[in-house]
Every structure is written in C-alpha cells, then in structure tokens.
N, C-alpha and C. Protein backbone atom coordinates (compact mmCIF):
# COMPACT_ATOMS: atom_id res chain seq x y z
N MET A 1 137.56 -77.92 177.93
CA MET A 1 138.28 -77.26 176.84
C MET A 1 139.51 -76.54 177.39
N ILE A 2 140.64 -76.70 176.71
CA ILE A 2 141.84 -76.01 177.14
C ILE A 2 141.98 -74.71 176.36
N ASP A 3 142.82 -73.84 176.87
CA ASP A 3 143.01 -72.53 176.26
C ASP A 3 144.31 -72.53 175.48
N ILE A 4 144.21 -72.50 174.17
CA ILE A 4 145.40 -72.49 173.31
C ILE A 4 145.54 -71.10 172.72
N LYS A 5 146.55 -70.38 173.15
CA LYS A 5 146.77 -69.04 172.64
C LYS A 5 147.90 -69.04 171.62
N GLY A 6 147.80 -68.17 170.64
CA GLY A 6 148.88 -67.99 169.68
C GLY A 6 148.87 -68.91 168.50
N ILE A 7 147.86 -69.81 168.40
CA ILE A 7 147.81 -70.77 167.30
C ILE A 7 146.55 -70.54 166.48
N THR A 8 146.72 -70.33 165.18
CA THR A 8 145.60 -70.18 164.26
C THR A 8 145.47 -71.45 163.42
N ALA A 9 144.26 -71.94 163.27
CA ALA A 9 144.03 -73.06 162.36
C ALA A 9 143.68 -72.52 160.98
N ILE A 10 144.34 -73.04 159.96
CA ILE A 10 144.03 -72.71 158.57
C ILE A 10 143.40 -73.95 157.95
N ILE A 11 142.13 -73.84 157.59
CA ILE A 11 141.43 -74.95 156.93
C ILE A 11 141.49 -74.74 155.43
N LEU A 12 142.06 -75.69 154.73
CA LEU A 12 142.22 -75.60 153.27
C LEU A 12 140.95 -76.13 152.61
N ALA A 13 140.19 -75.22 151.99
CA ALA A 13 138.86 -75.59 151.48
C ALA A 13 138.57 -75.03 150.10
N ALA A 14 139.61 -74.71 149.33
CA ALA A 14 139.41 -74.06 148.04
C ALA A 14 139.16 -75.03 146.89
N GLY A 15 139.26 -76.32 147.14
CA GLY A 15 138.99 -77.28 146.07
C GLY A 15 137.53 -77.28 145.66
N MET A 16 137.27 -77.66 144.42
CA MET A 16 135.91 -77.59 143.88
C MET A 16 135.15 -78.92 143.96
N SER A 17 135.69 -79.89 144.70
CA SER A 17 134.99 -81.16 144.94
C SER A 17 134.64 -81.88 143.64
N THR A 18 135.54 -81.86 142.68
CA THR A 18 135.27 -82.44 141.37
C THR A 18 134.96 -83.92 141.46
N ARG A 19 135.75 -84.66 142.25
CA ARG A 19 135.53 -86.10 142.35
C ARG A 19 134.27 -86.44 143.13
N MET A 20 133.88 -85.56 144.05
CA MET A 20 132.66 -85.80 144.82
C MET A 20 131.42 -85.47 143.98
N GLY A 21 131.52 -84.46 143.10
CA GLY A 21 130.39 -84.09 142.27
C GLY A 21 129.46 -83.08 142.90
N ARG A 22 129.74 -82.66 144.11
CA ARG A 22 128.97 -81.63 144.82
C ARG A 22 129.85 -81.10 145.94
N PRO A 23 129.52 -79.94 146.51
CA PRO A 23 130.39 -79.34 147.54
C PRO A 23 130.50 -80.24 148.77
N LYS A 24 131.62 -80.93 148.90
CA LYS A 24 131.72 -81.97 149.93
C LYS A 24 131.77 -81.40 151.34
N LEU A 25 132.27 -80.20 151.51
CA LEU A 25 132.36 -79.65 152.86
C LEU A 25 131.00 -79.29 153.43
N LEU A 26 129.98 -79.26 152.57
CA LEU A 26 128.62 -78.97 153.02
C LEU A 26 127.81 -80.24 153.26
N LEU A 27 128.39 -81.40 153.02
CA LEU A 27 127.69 -82.66 153.23
C LEU A 27 127.45 -82.89 154.73
N PRO A 28 126.36 -83.57 155.08
CA PRO A 28 126.08 -83.84 156.50
C PRO A 28 127.14 -84.73 157.14
N TRP A 29 127.45 -84.39 158.37
CA TRP A 29 128.37 -85.21 159.18
C TRP A 29 127.85 -85.17 160.61
N LYS A 30 127.25 -86.29 161.04
CA LYS A 30 126.51 -86.33 162.30
C LYS A 30 125.44 -85.23 162.22
N GLU A 31 125.36 -84.37 163.21
CA GLU A 31 124.33 -83.33 163.19
C GLU A 31 124.85 -82.04 162.56
N LYS A 32 126.06 -82.08 161.99
CA LYS A 32 126.67 -80.89 161.41
C LYS A 32 126.96 -81.14 159.93
N THR A 33 127.73 -80.24 159.33
CA THR A 33 128.33 -80.47 158.02
C THR A 33 129.76 -80.94 158.24
N ILE A 34 130.42 -81.36 157.15
CA ILE A 34 131.83 -81.74 157.27
C ILE A 34 132.65 -80.57 157.79
N LEU A 35 132.46 -79.38 157.20
CA LEU A 35 133.22 -78.22 157.67
C LEU A 35 132.81 -77.85 159.09
N GLY A 36 131.53 -77.96 159.41
CA GLY A 36 131.08 -77.66 160.76
C GLY A 36 131.68 -78.59 161.79
N ALA A 37 131.83 -79.86 161.42
CA ALA A 37 132.42 -80.83 162.34
C ALA A 37 133.88 -80.51 162.61
N ILE A 38 134.62 -80.16 161.56
CA ILE A 38 136.03 -79.82 161.72
C ILE A 38 136.17 -78.57 162.59
N THR A 39 135.38 -77.56 162.28
CA THR A 39 135.42 -76.31 163.04
C THR A 39 135.11 -76.55 164.51
N SER A 40 134.09 -77.33 164.77
CA SER A 40 133.70 -77.63 166.15
C SER A 40 134.81 -78.35 166.90
N THR A 41 135.45 -79.31 166.24
CA THR A 41 136.54 -80.05 166.89
C THR A 41 137.71 -79.13 167.23
N LEU A 42 138.06 -78.25 166.31
CA LEU A 42 139.17 -77.32 166.55
C LEU A 42 138.86 -76.42 167.75
N VAL A 43 137.63 -75.91 167.81
CA VAL A 43 137.25 -75.03 168.91
C VAL A 43 137.22 -75.79 170.23
N GLU A 44 136.70 -77.01 170.21
CA GLU A 44 136.67 -77.81 171.43
C GLU A 44 138.09 -78.11 171.93
N ALA A 45 139.03 -78.16 171.01
CA ALA A 45 140.42 -78.39 171.39
C ALA A 45 141.09 -77.13 171.92
N GLY A 46 140.43 -75.98 171.74
CA GLY A 46 140.96 -74.74 172.29
C GLY A 46 141.42 -73.71 171.29
N ILE A 47 141.32 -73.99 169.99
CA ILE A 47 141.74 -73.04 168.97
C ILE A 47 140.81 -71.83 168.99
N GLN A 48 141.40 -70.63 168.95
CA GLN A 48 140.61 -69.40 169.08
C GLN A 48 140.54 -68.57 167.80
N GLU A 49 141.26 -68.97 166.77
CA GLU A 49 141.15 -68.30 165.46
C GLU A 49 141.22 -69.36 164.38
N ILE A 50 140.22 -69.36 163.50
CA ILE A 50 140.15 -70.32 162.41
C ILE A 50 139.92 -69.57 161.10
N ILE A 51 140.80 -69.81 160.15
CA ILE A 51 140.70 -69.21 158.81
C ILE A 51 140.37 -70.33 157.83
N VAL A 52 139.34 -70.11 157.01
CA VAL A 52 138.98 -71.09 155.98
C VAL A 52 139.30 -70.48 154.62
N VAL A 53 140.21 -71.09 153.90
CA VAL A 53 140.63 -70.56 152.60
C VAL A 53 139.77 -71.19 151.51
N ILE A 54 139.07 -70.32 150.76
CA ILE A 54 138.16 -70.77 149.71
C ILE A 54 138.39 -69.93 148.45
N GLN A 55 137.63 -70.27 147.39
CA GLN A 55 137.60 -69.45 146.18
C GLN A 55 136.36 -68.57 146.20
N ALA A 56 136.43 -67.45 145.51
CA ALA A 56 135.31 -66.50 145.50
C ALA A 56 134.04 -67.11 144.94
N GLN A 57 134.17 -68.05 143.99
CA GLN A 57 132.98 -68.62 143.36
C GLN A 57 132.29 -69.67 144.24
N GLN A 58 132.87 -70.01 145.36
CA GLN A 58 132.25 -70.98 146.27
C GLN A 58 131.24 -70.26 147.18
N GLU A 59 130.18 -69.78 146.57
CA GLU A 59 129.25 -68.91 147.28
C GLU A 59 128.51 -69.64 148.40
N GLN A 60 128.10 -70.89 148.16
CA GLN A 60 127.41 -71.66 149.21
C GLN A 60 128.32 -71.89 150.41
N LEU A 61 129.57 -72.20 150.11
CA LEU A 61 130.52 -72.43 151.19
C LEU A 61 130.79 -71.14 151.96
N TYR A 62 130.90 -70.05 151.25
CA TYR A 62 131.08 -68.75 151.91
C TYR A 62 129.91 -68.45 152.85
N ASP A 63 128.71 -68.67 152.37
CA ASP A 63 127.53 -68.42 153.20
C ASP A 63 127.54 -69.31 154.44
N HIS A 64 127.97 -70.55 154.27
CA HIS A 64 128.02 -71.48 155.40
C HIS A 64 129.06 -71.03 156.43
N ILE A 65 130.20 -70.55 155.96
CA ILE A 65 131.23 -70.05 156.87
C ILE A 65 130.71 -68.86 157.66
N LYS A 66 130.01 -67.97 157.00
CA LYS A 66 129.44 -66.82 157.70
C LYS A 66 128.43 -67.27 158.75
N GLN A 67 127.67 -68.32 158.44
CA GLN A 67 126.74 -68.86 159.42
C GLN A 67 127.48 -69.47 160.61
N LEU A 68 128.54 -70.21 160.32
CA LEU A 68 129.35 -70.79 161.39
C LEU A 68 129.98 -69.72 162.27
N SER A 69 130.28 -68.57 161.67
CA SER A 69 130.97 -67.51 162.41
C SER A 69 130.09 -66.91 163.51
N ILE A 70 128.80 -67.20 163.48
CA ILE A 70 127.92 -66.74 164.56
C ILE A 70 128.30 -67.41 165.87
N ASP A 71 128.69 -68.67 165.79
CA ASP A 71 129.00 -69.44 167.00
C ASP A 71 130.48 -69.76 167.19
N PHE A 72 131.27 -69.63 166.12
CA PHE A 72 132.67 -70.03 166.18
C PHE A 72 133.59 -68.91 165.67
N PRO A 73 134.85 -68.88 166.13
CA PRO A 73 135.80 -67.86 165.69
C PRO A 73 136.39 -68.18 164.32
N VAL A 74 135.53 -68.21 163.31
CA VAL A 74 135.92 -68.64 161.97
C VAL A 74 135.63 -67.55 160.96
N SER A 75 136.53 -67.39 159.99
CA SER A 75 136.34 -66.38 158.95
C SER A 75 136.90 -66.90 157.63
N PRO A 76 136.30 -66.46 156.50
CA PRO A 76 136.79 -66.89 155.19
C PRO A 76 137.91 -66.00 154.67
N VAL A 77 138.80 -66.60 153.90
CA VAL A 77 139.83 -65.86 153.17
C VAL A 77 139.81 -66.39 151.74
N PHE A 78 139.84 -65.49 150.76
CA PHE A 78 139.76 -65.90 149.36
C PHE A 78 141.15 -66.14 148.77
N ASN A 79 141.28 -67.28 148.10
CA ASN A 79 142.47 -67.58 147.32
C ASN A 79 142.16 -67.26 145.87
N ASP A 80 142.71 -66.16 145.37
CA ASP A 80 142.41 -65.70 144.02
C ASP A 80 143.23 -66.40 142.94
N SER A 81 144.20 -67.22 143.35
CA SER A 81 145.07 -67.84 142.36
C SER A 81 145.07 -69.36 142.45
N PHE A 82 144.00 -69.92 142.99
CA PHE A 82 143.96 -71.37 143.23
C PHE A 82 143.85 -72.15 141.92
N ASN A 83 144.59 -73.25 141.87
CA ASN A 83 144.29 -74.28 140.87
C ASN A 83 144.35 -75.63 141.57
N SER A 84 143.84 -76.64 140.92
CA SER A 84 143.54 -77.90 141.60
C SER A 84 144.75 -78.61 142.18
N ASP A 85 145.94 -78.34 141.66
CA ASP A 85 147.11 -79.05 142.17
C ASP A 85 148.06 -78.09 142.91
N ASP A 86 147.49 -77.03 143.48
CA ASP A 86 148.32 -76.02 144.15
C ASP A 86 147.79 -75.71 145.55
N MET A 87 147.96 -76.66 146.46
CA MET A 87 147.57 -76.46 147.85
C MET A 87 148.41 -75.37 148.51
N LEU A 88 149.64 -75.21 148.02
CA LEU A 88 150.57 -74.27 148.62
C LEU A 88 150.03 -72.84 148.61
N SER A 89 149.34 -72.46 147.54
CA SER A 89 148.84 -71.09 147.46
C SER A 89 147.80 -70.82 148.54
N SER A 90 146.98 -71.81 148.86
CA SER A 90 145.99 -71.62 149.93
C SER A 90 146.67 -71.46 151.28
N ILE A 91 147.74 -72.19 151.51
CA ILE A 91 148.48 -72.03 152.76
C ILE A 91 149.06 -70.61 152.84
N ARG A 92 149.57 -70.11 151.72
CA ARG A 92 150.13 -68.76 151.70
C ARG A 92 149.07 -67.72 152.06
N TYR A 93 147.90 -67.82 151.44
CA TYR A 93 146.83 -66.86 151.73
C TYR A 93 146.42 -66.95 153.20
N GLY A 94 146.36 -68.15 153.71
CA GLY A 94 145.99 -68.32 155.11
C GLY A 94 147.00 -67.71 156.06
N LEU A 95 148.27 -67.96 155.81
CA LEU A 95 149.33 -67.42 156.67
C LEU A 95 149.31 -65.89 156.68
N LYS A 96 149.08 -65.30 155.52
CA LYS A 96 149.08 -63.84 155.42
C LYS A 96 147.90 -63.21 156.16
N ALA A 97 146.87 -63.99 156.44
CA ALA A 97 145.67 -63.46 157.09
C ALA A 97 145.66 -63.64 158.60
N ILE A 98 146.67 -64.28 159.15
CA ILE A 98 146.70 -64.55 160.59
C ILE A 98 146.94 -63.27 161.38
N LYS A 99 146.28 -63.17 162.52
CA LYS A 99 146.48 -62.02 163.40
C LYS A 99 147.95 -61.91 163.79
N PRO A 100 148.49 -60.69 163.85
CA PRO A 100 149.91 -60.52 164.20
C PRO A 100 150.27 -61.10 165.57
N SER A 101 149.30 -61.19 166.46
CA SER A 101 149.58 -61.69 167.81
C SER A 101 149.77 -63.20 167.85
N ASN A 102 149.37 -63.90 166.80
CA ASN A 102 149.52 -65.35 166.78
C ASN A 102 150.83 -65.74 166.11
N ASN A 103 151.41 -66.85 166.56
CA ASN A 103 152.76 -67.18 166.10
C ASN A 103 152.92 -68.60 165.58
N ALA A 104 151.81 -69.31 165.40
CA ALA A 104 151.89 -70.65 164.83
C ALA A 104 150.60 -70.93 164.06
N ALA A 105 150.72 -71.75 163.02
CA ALA A 105 149.57 -72.10 162.20
C ALA A 105 149.40 -73.61 162.18
N LEU A 106 148.14 -74.03 162.30
CA LEU A 106 147.79 -75.44 162.26
C LEU A 106 147.14 -75.70 160.90
N ILE A 107 147.88 -76.35 160.01
CA ILE A 107 147.41 -76.57 158.64
C ILE A 107 146.46 -77.77 158.63
N THR A 108 145.21 -77.50 158.30
CA THR A 108 144.13 -78.48 158.45
C THR A 108 143.41 -78.68 157.12
N LEU A 109 143.10 -79.93 156.78
CA LEU A 109 142.37 -80.22 155.55
C LEU A 109 140.88 -80.01 155.75
N GLY A 110 140.22 -79.42 154.75
CA GLY A 110 138.80 -79.17 154.85
C GLY A 110 137.94 -80.40 154.66
N ASP A 111 138.54 -81.49 154.19
CA ASP A 111 137.77 -82.72 153.95
C ASP A 111 138.18 -83.83 154.91
N GLN A 112 138.54 -83.44 156.12
CA GLN A 112 139.02 -84.41 157.11
C GLN A 112 138.17 -84.33 158.39
N PRO A 113 136.88 -84.68 158.28
CA PRO A 113 135.98 -84.51 159.43
C PRO A 113 136.26 -85.45 160.59
N GLN A 114 137.09 -86.46 160.37
CA GLN A 114 137.40 -87.37 161.47
C GLN A 114 138.57 -86.87 162.33
N ILE A 115 138.98 -85.64 162.09
CA ILE A 115 140.01 -85.03 162.92
C ILE A 115 139.63 -85.19 164.39
N GLN A 116 140.61 -85.55 165.22
CA GLN A 116 140.36 -85.85 166.62
C GLN A 116 140.80 -84.70 167.52
N GLU A 117 139.92 -84.36 168.45
CA GLU A 117 140.23 -83.29 169.40
C GLU A 117 141.52 -83.58 170.16
N ASP A 118 141.70 -84.82 170.58
CA ASP A 118 142.90 -85.17 171.35
C ASP A 118 144.18 -84.98 170.52
N VAL A 119 144.10 -85.23 169.21
CA VAL A 119 145.27 -85.06 168.35
C VAL A 119 145.61 -83.58 168.25
N VAL A 120 144.60 -82.73 168.06
CA VAL A 120 144.83 -81.28 167.99
C VAL A 120 145.46 -80.80 169.29
N ARG A 121 144.92 -81.25 170.40
CA ARG A 121 145.48 -80.85 171.70
C ARG A 121 146.92 -81.31 171.85
N LEU A 122 147.21 -82.54 171.42
CA LEU A 122 148.57 -83.07 171.53
C LEU A 122 149.55 -82.24 170.72
N ILE A 123 149.18 -81.89 169.50
CA ILE A 123 150.06 -81.08 168.66
C ILE A 123 150.32 -79.72 169.31
N CYS A 124 149.25 -79.09 169.78
CA CYS A 124 149.39 -77.76 170.37
C CYS A 124 150.15 -77.81 171.70
N TYR A 125 149.90 -78.83 172.49
CA TYR A 125 150.63 -78.98 173.75
C TYR A 125 152.11 -79.22 173.47
N THR A 126 152.41 -80.04 172.48
CA THR A 126 153.80 -80.31 172.12
C THR A 126 154.50 -79.03 171.70
N TYR A 127 153.79 -78.18 170.96
CA TYR A 127 154.37 -76.90 170.55
C TYR A 127 154.67 -76.04 171.78
N SER A 128 153.75 -76.00 172.71
CA SER A 128 153.96 -75.18 173.91
C SER A 128 155.14 -75.67 174.73
N GLN A 129 155.43 -76.96 174.65
CA GLN A 129 156.51 -77.52 175.44
C GLN A 129 157.86 -77.51 174.73
N THR A 130 157.84 -77.59 173.40
CA THR A 130 159.09 -77.73 172.65
C THR A 130 159.46 -76.51 171.83
N ASN A 131 158.46 -75.68 171.49
CA ASN A 131 158.67 -74.54 170.58
C ASN A 131 159.26 -75.00 169.24
N ALA A 132 158.92 -76.22 168.83
CA ALA A 132 159.45 -76.77 167.58
C ALA A 132 158.93 -75.97 166.39
N SER A 133 159.74 -75.88 165.35
CA SER A 133 159.37 -75.11 164.16
C SER A 133 158.25 -75.78 163.37
N ILE A 134 158.29 -77.10 163.30
CA ILE A 134 157.27 -77.87 162.58
C ILE A 134 156.90 -79.07 163.44
N ILE A 135 155.61 -79.31 163.60
CA ILE A 135 155.15 -80.48 164.34
C ILE A 135 154.14 -81.23 163.47
N ILE A 136 154.40 -82.51 163.26
CA ILE A 136 153.56 -83.31 162.38
C ILE A 136 153.12 -84.58 163.11
N PRO A 137 151.82 -84.91 163.06
CA PRO A 137 151.37 -86.18 163.63
C PRO A 137 151.75 -87.34 162.71
N SER A 138 152.04 -88.46 163.31
CA SER A 138 152.46 -89.63 162.53
C SER A 138 151.72 -90.87 163.02
N TYR A 139 151.22 -91.63 162.06
CA TYR A 139 150.55 -92.90 162.37
C TYR A 139 151.21 -93.99 161.52
N HIS A 140 151.81 -94.96 162.19
CA HIS A 140 152.52 -96.05 161.51
C HIS A 140 153.53 -95.50 160.49
N MET A 141 154.28 -94.49 160.93
CA MET A 141 155.36 -93.90 160.12
C MET A 141 154.84 -93.12 158.91
N LYS A 142 153.57 -92.72 158.92
CA LYS A 142 153.03 -91.92 157.84
C LYS A 142 152.61 -90.55 158.37
N ARG A 143 153.05 -89.49 157.69
CA ARG A 143 152.68 -88.14 158.07
C ARG A 143 151.19 -87.89 157.82
N GLY A 144 150.59 -87.09 158.70
CA GLY A 144 149.19 -86.76 158.52
C GLY A 144 148.90 -85.29 158.79
N HIS A 145 147.61 -84.99 158.87
CA HIS A 145 147.11 -83.64 159.17
C HIS A 145 146.25 -83.69 160.42
N PRO A 146 146.17 -82.56 161.10
CA PRO A 146 146.80 -81.27 160.83
C PRO A 146 148.26 -81.24 161.29
N TRP A 147 149.03 -80.35 160.67
CA TRP A 147 150.41 -80.16 161.12
C TRP A 147 150.63 -78.68 161.41
N LEU A 148 151.60 -78.43 162.26
CA LEU A 148 151.83 -77.07 162.76
C LEU A 148 153.14 -76.51 162.24
N ILE A 149 153.12 -75.22 161.91
CA ILE A 149 154.32 -74.52 161.51
C ILE A 149 154.43 -73.21 162.28
N GLN A 150 155.58 -73.00 162.89
CA GLN A 150 155.83 -71.79 163.66
C GLN A 150 156.13 -70.61 162.72
N HIS A 151 155.88 -69.40 163.20
CA HIS A 151 156.01 -68.20 162.38
C HIS A 151 157.42 -67.99 161.84
N THR A 152 158.44 -68.54 162.49
CA THR A 152 159.81 -68.35 162.02
C THR A 152 160.04 -68.92 160.62
N LEU A 153 159.18 -69.88 160.22
CA LEU A 153 159.33 -70.48 158.89
C LEU A 153 158.26 -70.01 157.91
N TRP A 154 157.37 -69.14 158.34
CA TRP A 154 156.34 -68.66 157.41
C TRP A 154 156.92 -67.97 156.19
N PRO A 155 157.93 -67.09 156.33
CA PRO A 155 158.46 -66.43 155.13
C PRO A 155 159.00 -67.42 154.09
N GLN A 156 159.67 -68.46 154.55
CA GLN A 156 160.21 -69.46 153.63
C GLN A 156 159.10 -70.21 152.90
N LEU A 157 158.00 -70.46 153.61
CA LEU A 157 156.88 -71.16 152.99
C LEU A 157 156.12 -70.23 152.03
N ILE A 158 155.93 -68.99 152.43
CA ILE A 158 155.20 -68.03 151.60
C ILE A 158 155.91 -67.74 150.29
N GLN A 159 157.24 -67.76 150.30
CA GLN A 159 157.97 -67.40 149.09
C GLN A 159 157.98 -68.53 148.05
N LEU A 160 157.60 -69.73 148.44
CA LEU A 160 157.52 -70.83 147.48
C LEU A 160 156.31 -70.65 146.58
N SER A 161 156.39 -71.15 145.38
CA SER A 161 155.27 -71.05 144.46
C SER A 161 155.17 -72.33 143.63
N HIS A 162 154.04 -72.49 142.97
CA HIS A 162 153.79 -73.64 142.10
C HIS A 162 154.90 -73.74 141.05
N PRO A 163 155.46 -74.93 140.78
CA PRO A 163 154.95 -76.25 141.13
C PRO A 163 155.45 -76.83 142.46
N SER A 164 156.10 -76.02 143.29
CA SER A 164 156.49 -76.54 144.60
C SER A 164 155.25 -76.93 145.39
N THR A 165 155.39 -77.87 146.31
CA THR A 165 154.26 -78.37 147.09
C THR A 165 154.60 -78.31 148.58
N PRO A 166 153.60 -78.44 149.46
CA PRO A 166 153.91 -78.53 150.89
C PRO A 166 154.87 -79.67 151.20
N HIS A 167 154.74 -80.78 150.46
CA HIS A 167 155.66 -81.90 150.67
C HIS A 167 157.10 -81.48 150.38
N ASP A 168 157.31 -80.71 149.32
CA ASP A 168 158.65 -80.23 149.00
C ASP A 168 159.20 -79.37 150.14
N PHE A 169 158.33 -78.51 150.67
CA PHE A 169 158.75 -77.65 151.78
C PHE A 169 159.15 -78.50 153.00
N LEU A 170 158.34 -79.48 153.32
CA LEU A 170 158.64 -80.31 154.49
C LEU A 170 159.92 -81.13 154.29
N GLU A 171 160.16 -81.55 153.07
CA GLU A 171 161.41 -82.26 152.79
C GLU A 171 162.60 -81.33 152.95
N GLN A 172 162.43 -80.08 152.52
CA GLN A 172 163.52 -79.11 152.63
C GLN A 172 163.87 -78.84 154.08
N TYR A 173 162.87 -78.84 154.95
CA TYR A 173 163.08 -78.53 156.36
C TYR A 173 162.82 -79.74 157.26
N LYS A 174 163.15 -80.91 156.74
CA LYS A 174 162.87 -82.14 157.48
C LYS A 174 163.62 -82.22 158.80
N ASP A 175 164.75 -81.56 158.89
CA ASP A 175 165.49 -81.57 160.16
C ASP A 175 164.83 -80.73 161.24
N GLU A 176 163.86 -79.91 160.83
CA GLU A 176 163.14 -79.06 161.78
C GLU A 176 161.88 -79.75 162.33
N ILE A 177 161.54 -80.90 161.76
CA ILE A 177 160.26 -81.54 162.10
C ILE A 177 160.34 -82.30 163.43
N TYR A 178 159.33 -82.07 164.25
CA TYR A 178 159.14 -82.84 165.49
C TYR A 178 157.89 -83.68 165.29
N TYR A 179 158.04 -84.99 165.33
CA TYR A 179 156.90 -85.88 165.11
C TYR A 179 156.22 -86.24 166.42
N VAL A 180 154.89 -86.24 166.40
CA VAL A 180 154.12 -86.76 167.53
C VAL A 180 153.39 -88.00 167.04
N LEU A 181 153.50 -89.07 167.78
CA LEU A 181 152.90 -90.34 167.39
C LEU A 181 151.46 -90.42 167.89
N VAL A 182 150.56 -90.80 167.00
CA VAL A 182 149.16 -90.96 167.38
C VAL A 182 148.75 -92.41 167.14
N ASP A 183 147.72 -92.85 167.87
CA ASP A 183 147.36 -94.26 167.84
C ASP A 183 146.11 -94.55 167.03
N ASN A 184 145.70 -93.61 166.16
CA ASN A 184 144.55 -93.88 165.29
C ASN A 184 144.80 -93.26 163.93
N PRO A 185 144.14 -93.80 162.88
CA PRO A 185 144.44 -93.36 161.51
C PRO A 185 143.70 -92.10 161.07
N SER A 186 143.03 -91.41 161.98
CA SER A 186 142.23 -90.24 161.59
C SER A 186 143.06 -89.18 160.88
N ILE A 187 144.34 -89.09 161.21
CA ILE A 187 145.20 -88.06 160.62
C ILE A 187 145.46 -88.32 159.14
N LEU A 188 145.15 -89.53 158.68
CA LEU A 188 145.39 -89.90 157.28
C LEU A 188 144.11 -89.94 156.46
N GLN A 189 142.96 -89.84 157.10
CA GLN A 189 141.69 -90.07 156.44
C GLN A 189 141.07 -88.76 155.94
N ASP A 190 140.82 -88.70 154.63
CA ASP A 190 140.08 -87.58 154.07
C ASP A 190 139.00 -88.11 153.15
N ILE A 191 138.17 -87.22 152.65
CA ILE A 191 137.02 -87.63 151.84
C ILE A 191 137.10 -86.94 150.49
N ASP A 192 137.30 -87.74 149.45
CA ASP A 192 137.41 -87.19 148.10
C ASP A 192 136.27 -87.62 147.19
N THR A 193 135.73 -88.81 147.41
CA THR A 193 134.76 -89.39 146.49
C THR A 193 133.48 -89.79 147.22
N PRO A 194 132.38 -90.02 146.49
CA PRO A 194 131.17 -90.53 147.14
C PRO A 194 131.41 -91.83 147.92
N GLU A 195 132.29 -92.67 147.41
CA GLU A 195 132.60 -93.92 148.11
C GLU A 195 133.29 -93.64 149.44
N ASP A 196 134.23 -92.68 149.45
CA ASP A 196 134.89 -92.30 150.71
C ASP A 196 133.85 -91.84 151.73
N TYR A 197 132.94 -91.00 151.26
CA TYR A 197 131.92 -90.45 152.14
C TYR A 197 131.02 -91.55 152.69
N LYS A 198 130.60 -92.46 151.83
CA LYS A 198 129.74 -93.56 152.25
C LYS A 198 130.43 -94.45 153.28
N ASN A 199 131.72 -94.72 153.04
CA ASN A 199 132.45 -95.62 153.92
C ASN A 199 132.82 -95.00 155.26
N GLN A 200 133.01 -93.68 155.29
CA GLN A 200 133.50 -93.04 156.49
C GLN A 200 132.40 -92.33 157.30
N LYS A 201 131.28 -92.03 156.65
CA LYS A 201 130.22 -91.27 157.34
C LYS A 201 129.74 -92.01 158.57
N PRO A 202 129.76 -91.36 159.74
CA PRO A 202 129.34 -92.02 160.97
C PRO A 202 127.82 -92.19 161.03
N SER A 203 127.39 -93.19 161.76
CA SER A 203 125.97 -93.39 161.97
C SER A 203 125.43 -92.37 162.94
N LEU A 204 124.19 -91.98 162.78
CA LEU A 204 123.56 -91.02 163.69
C LEU A 204 123.11 -91.70 164.98
N THR A 205 123.12 -93.03 164.99
CA THR A 205 122.66 -93.75 166.18
C THR A 205 123.81 -94.10 167.08
C-alpha cells in the first residue's frame, strides 16, 4: 500500500436505488458489500479519508458506514437537498466536509464496485507529479470515475447549482483536464439494475 496524503475520496451514495428495488450499496460483492468493496479498494490504494454522501433516511446505509468506520477511515455526510437528478449537490456536501489539510478530492461513484486499485493509484500519482487541477481516467476516449479535482477549483464547483451537472462543470473547465489512459473498462462500469448486478457480480470461486 502506498501513502497518499492530501487526497479525500468522496463516495456519492445518496441515490435511493429505485431501479434496483433495494439498497444496492448493501448488496453482496465477493465477501463484502458493494460499498465495502469500494471502500476497501480506496484504502488499499492509500486513501486516508473517505466521505460517503447519503440522505438522512438511508438508515441501513448509515449503519453500514458506521460499521465500516471501525476498520476504515470512512464517515457519512448527509445531503439534505438531494434529488434524483442532482449529483452536483452531493459533490458540494462532500467538498465542504473535507479536512482543511487535504487539497484534492477523488469523486467516486457508490455503485462502482469494480473500481481498480491500480487506477486509483495512477490518478493520485499523476496528481502528485503534475499538480493538475482536474484528472480524469479515460478508456477508449470515454471519461470515467473516479476523477480528481484540486482545491483551487472547489469554489467554482460548489457555487454551481441544479440544473447544472458535473458534466457541465467539466465542459466549462475542459482546458484544465489532464487525462490518464487506462486499459480496462472498470472506470465506466456501474450497477443500476438487477440485470447489471447479475451480469457484473464476481464469482466467489
């Protein structure tokens, strides 16, 4: 495990799993849950602060985060103004909760358990070498997650509001983006439906 200082991971987890029909971040993934797998990967990559943005009514998820916090540097943050098409508000809440000593945020999807440790390390290493304002992984010319944003652009992102989206923000600051190329599609894969889960869930053997 490498030591990554100054970078906080923000896991966006405030969605209500409507298409899945049950709390998808609590579904089994190998010997963990989906959220547990993501958290474990981030920590193995060297991340030392993890914020999970949820809604107050997600009581099961809150309890699970508190359980994870026994072994991992993870804590919940409540998004009091979430709606289903407003990912930006969760990013804002996450950024505002970061320790003052940290200077970059790794925006991570809560339904992306196939996140790769090597990809997280590559993004963080690239930041340490380039000090780029925005770093995004790319697979076959497609942007993926997680992506990193340096603190110099946090105020600009925080001041945006619905109906603006993270995509709008990235288009506005596209000249600031440093792309890192990855050789697997994990950065594009998330789980929204029972079919997604069935198709992507790894075997225990």
